[in-house]
């Protein structure tokens, strides 16, 4: 009888362990659906220093690109421009970016100014979005690009 109880206990332990392992495999985390990157490309015609609350100061030669946020994986469907804004707000109540030319601030954009007319760094419409779906990885790659143009900055004469 003792042998039977011992056998039942061992069988129960093995069964519980096996069921736990199967349950763990069924509850694996779903891979993210999107991978997003935000970048700035310098088409201003000049070499500048780009300042961001998220990246600090970056030397940005004419036609060079700097990643200002990401890449990050997003689990929701969609391509969320505001993801960068929400992270910026965690660092600063009034996020800002600026462009420096020849040691002089040539332009500054602040979050509160995004509703003003014209191109604004924090305004989604001022950014270009490119989405590529990759069947092999299951990702949708989303790249947001802000082009720094000559008319965006006031270059002192």
Protein backbone atom coordinates (compact mmCIF):
# COMPACT_ATOMS: atom_id res chain seq x y z
CA UNK A 1 0.00 0.00 0.00
CA UNK A 2 2.83 2.40 0.86
CA UNK A 3 4.38 1.57 -2.47
CA UNK A 4 1.11 2.42 -4.27
CA UNK A 5 0.81 5.80 -2.47
CA UNK A 6 4.44 6.59 -3.32
CA UNK A 7 3.77 5.70 -6.98
CA UNK A 8 0.62 7.89 -7.05
CA UNK A 9 2.54 10.84 -5.56
CA UNK A 10 5.34 10.53 -8.13
CA UNK A 11 2.80 10.24 -10.95
CA UNK A 12 0.92 13.30 -9.65
CA UNK A 13 4.14 15.34 -9.44
CA UNK A 14 5.14 14.34 -12.98
CA UNK A 15 1.63 15.12 -14.29
CA UNK A 16 1.51 18.54 -12.60
CA UNK A 17 4.99 19.37 -13.88
CA UNK A 18 4.09 18.31 -17.43
CA UNK A 19 0.86 20.31 -17.38
CA UNK A 20 2.69 23.36 -16.01
CA UNK A 21 5.27 23.18 -18.78
CA UNK A 22 2.56 22.84 -21.45
CA UNK A 23 0.65 25.78 -19.98
CA UNK A 24 3.82 27.88 -19.96
CA UNK A 25 4.43 27.13 -23.64
CA UNK A 26 0.84 28.07 -24.53
CA UNK A 27 1.16 31.42 -22.74
CA UNK A 28 4.30 32.59 -24.53
CA UNK A 29 4.47 36.32 -25.20
CA UNK A 30 3.27 37.26 -28.64
CA UNK A 31 5.97 38.87 -30.78
CA UNK A 32 5.55 42.57 -31.53
CA UNK A 33 3.77 43.51 -34.75
CA UNK A 34 5.59 46.75 -35.50
CA UNK A 35 9.11 48.11 -35.28
CA UNK A 36 9.31 51.90 -35.53
CA UNK A 37 12.16 54.37 -35.90
CA UNK A 38 12.12 58.18 -35.91
CA UNK A 39 14.98 59.99 -37.66
CA UNK A 40 16.02 63.43 -38.83
CA UNK A 41 17.78 63.96 -42.16
CA UNK A 42 19.69 67.17 -42.79
CA UNK A 43 18.69 68.73 -46.12
CA UNK A 44 19.37 72.27 -44.90
CA UNK A 45 22.44 72.74 -47.09
CA UNK A 46 24.64 73.29 -44.03
CA UNK A 47 26.37 71.21 -41.36
CA UNK A 48 24.51 71.76 -38.07
CA UNK A 49 24.28 70.53 -34.51
CA UNK A 50 20.91 68.97 -33.73
CA UNK A 51 19.86 69.12 -30.06
CA UNK A 52 17.10 66.88 -28.70
CA UNK A 53 15.92 66.13 -25.17
CA UNK A 54 16.04 62.43 -26.10
CA UNK A 55 19.40 62.23 -27.89
CA UNK A 56 21.41 65.18 -26.65
CA UNK A 57 23.57 67.04 -29.17
CA UNK A 58 24.38 65.38 -32.49
CA UNK A 59 26.70 66.75 -35.18
CA UNK A 60 24.64 66.44 -38.36
CA UNK A 61 26.47 67.02 -41.61
CA UNK A 62 24.57 68.03 -44.73
CA UNK A 63 22.61 65.00 -46.04
CA UNK A 64 23.38 62.90 -42.94
CA UNK A 65 20.73 61.22 -40.83
CA UNK A 66 20.43 60.77 -37.08
CA UNK A 67 18.05 58.41 -35.31
CA UNK A 68 16.23 60.47 -32.69
CA UNK A 69 14.10 57.67 -31.26
CA UNK A 70 13.98 53.91 -31.65
CA UNK A 71 13.97 51.45 -33.03
CA UNK A 72 11.23 50.26 -30.70
CA UNK A 73 8.85 47.34 -30.91
CA UNK A 74 5.13 48.08 -30.64
CA UNK A 75 2.62 45.35 -29.92
CA UNK A 76 -0.46 47.23 -31.11
CA UNK A 77 -1.58 47.60 -34.69
CA UNK A 78 -0.81 50.94 -36.26
CA UNK A 79 2.18 53.21 -36.61
CA UNK A 80 2.15 55.51 -33.66
CA UNK A 81 3.83 58.85 -34.17
CA UNK A 82 2.87 59.90 -30.65
CA UNK A 83 5.01 57.14 -29.11
CA UNK A 84 8.01 59.46 -29.46
CA UNK A 85 6.03 62.31 -27.88
CA UNK A 86 4.98 60.24 -24.88
CA UNK A 87 8.57 59.24 -24.18
CA UNK A 88 9.69 62.86 -24.67
CA UNK A 89 7.12 64.00 -22.11
CA UNK A 90 8.50 61.51 -19.57
CA UNK A 91 11.85 63.33 -19.83
CA UNK A 92 10.54 66.90 -19.87
CA UNK A 93 7.19 68.66 -19.42
CA UNK A 94 7.93 70.88 -22.42
CA UNK A 95 10.14 68.88 -24.81
CA UNK A 96 12.13 70.81 -27.36
CA UNK A 97 14.57 70.32 -30.18
CA UNK A 98 16.87 72.90 -31.67
CA UNK A 99 19.32 73.35 -34.49
CA UNK A 100 22.59 75.16 -34.03
CA UNK A 101 24.60 76.61 -36.92
CA UNK A 102 28.05 78.15 -36.43
CA UNK A 103 27.58 78.13 -32.61
CA UNK A 104 24.30 80.09 -32.84
CA UNK A 105 20.82 78.64 -32.30
CA UNK A 106 19.18 78.77 -35.72
CA UNK A 107 15.83 77.14 -34.83
CA UNK A 108 13.96 75.80 -31.83
CA UNK A 109 10.77 73.75 -31.82
CA UNK A 110 8.81 73.19 -28.63
CA UNK A 111 5.94 70.79 -28.04
CA UNK A 112 3.51 73.61 -27.26
CA UNK A 113 4.16 75.15 -30.71
CA UNK A 114 3.05 72.08 -32.69
CA UNK A 115 -0.36 73.65 -33.41
CA UNK A 116 1.19 76.74 -34.97
CA UNK A 117 1.13 77.05 -38.78
CA UNK A 118 3.97 75.72 -40.85
CA UNK A 119 6.36 72.87 -40.31
CA UNK A 120 6.72 71.90 -36.69
CA UNK A 121 8.95 69.16 -35.37
CA UNK A 122 6.28 67.81 -33.01
CA UNK A 123 3.50 67.92 -35.64
CA UNK A 124 2.85 64.56 -37.29
CA UNK A 125 2.07 66.13 -40.68
CA UNK A 126 5.61 67.53 -40.81
CA UNK A 127 7.06 64.01 -40.87
CA UNK A 128 7.12 61.50 -43.73
CA UNK A 129 6.11 57.92 -42.92
CA UNK A 130 7.26 54.83 -44.81
CA UNK A 131 5.91 51.38 -43.93
CA UNK A 132 7.35 48.08 -45.16
CA UNK A 133 5.77 44.74 -44.32
CA UNK A 134 8.24 41.88 -43.97
CA UNK A 135 6.67 38.45 -44.34
CA UNK A 136 9.81 36.65 -43.12
CA UNK A 137 9.91 38.44 -39.75
CA UNK A 138 6.21 39.20 -39.32
CA UNK A 139 7.08 42.83 -38.62
CA UNK A 140 5.78 45.96 -40.19
CA UNK A 141 8.71 48.37 -40.24
CA UNK A 142 7.66 51.98 -39.86
CA UNK A 143 10.13 54.78 -40.36
CA UNK A 144 9.22 58.38 -39.53
CA UNK A 145 11.50 60.99 -41.13
CA UNK A 146 11.72 64.71 -40.44
CA UNK A 147 13.61 66.57 -43.17
CA UNK A 148 15.53 69.55 -41.90
CA UNK A 149 15.13 72.05 -44.78
CA UNK A 150 16.79 75.42 -45.46
CA UNK A 151 13.50 77.23 -44.75
CA UNK A 152 13.24 75.49 -41.36
CA UNK A 153 16.25 77.27 -39.95
CA UNK A 154 17.25 80.90 -39.77
CA UNK A 155 20.91 80.96 -40.73
CA UNK A 156 22.56 84.20 -39.62
CA UNK A 157 24.26 86.14 -42.41
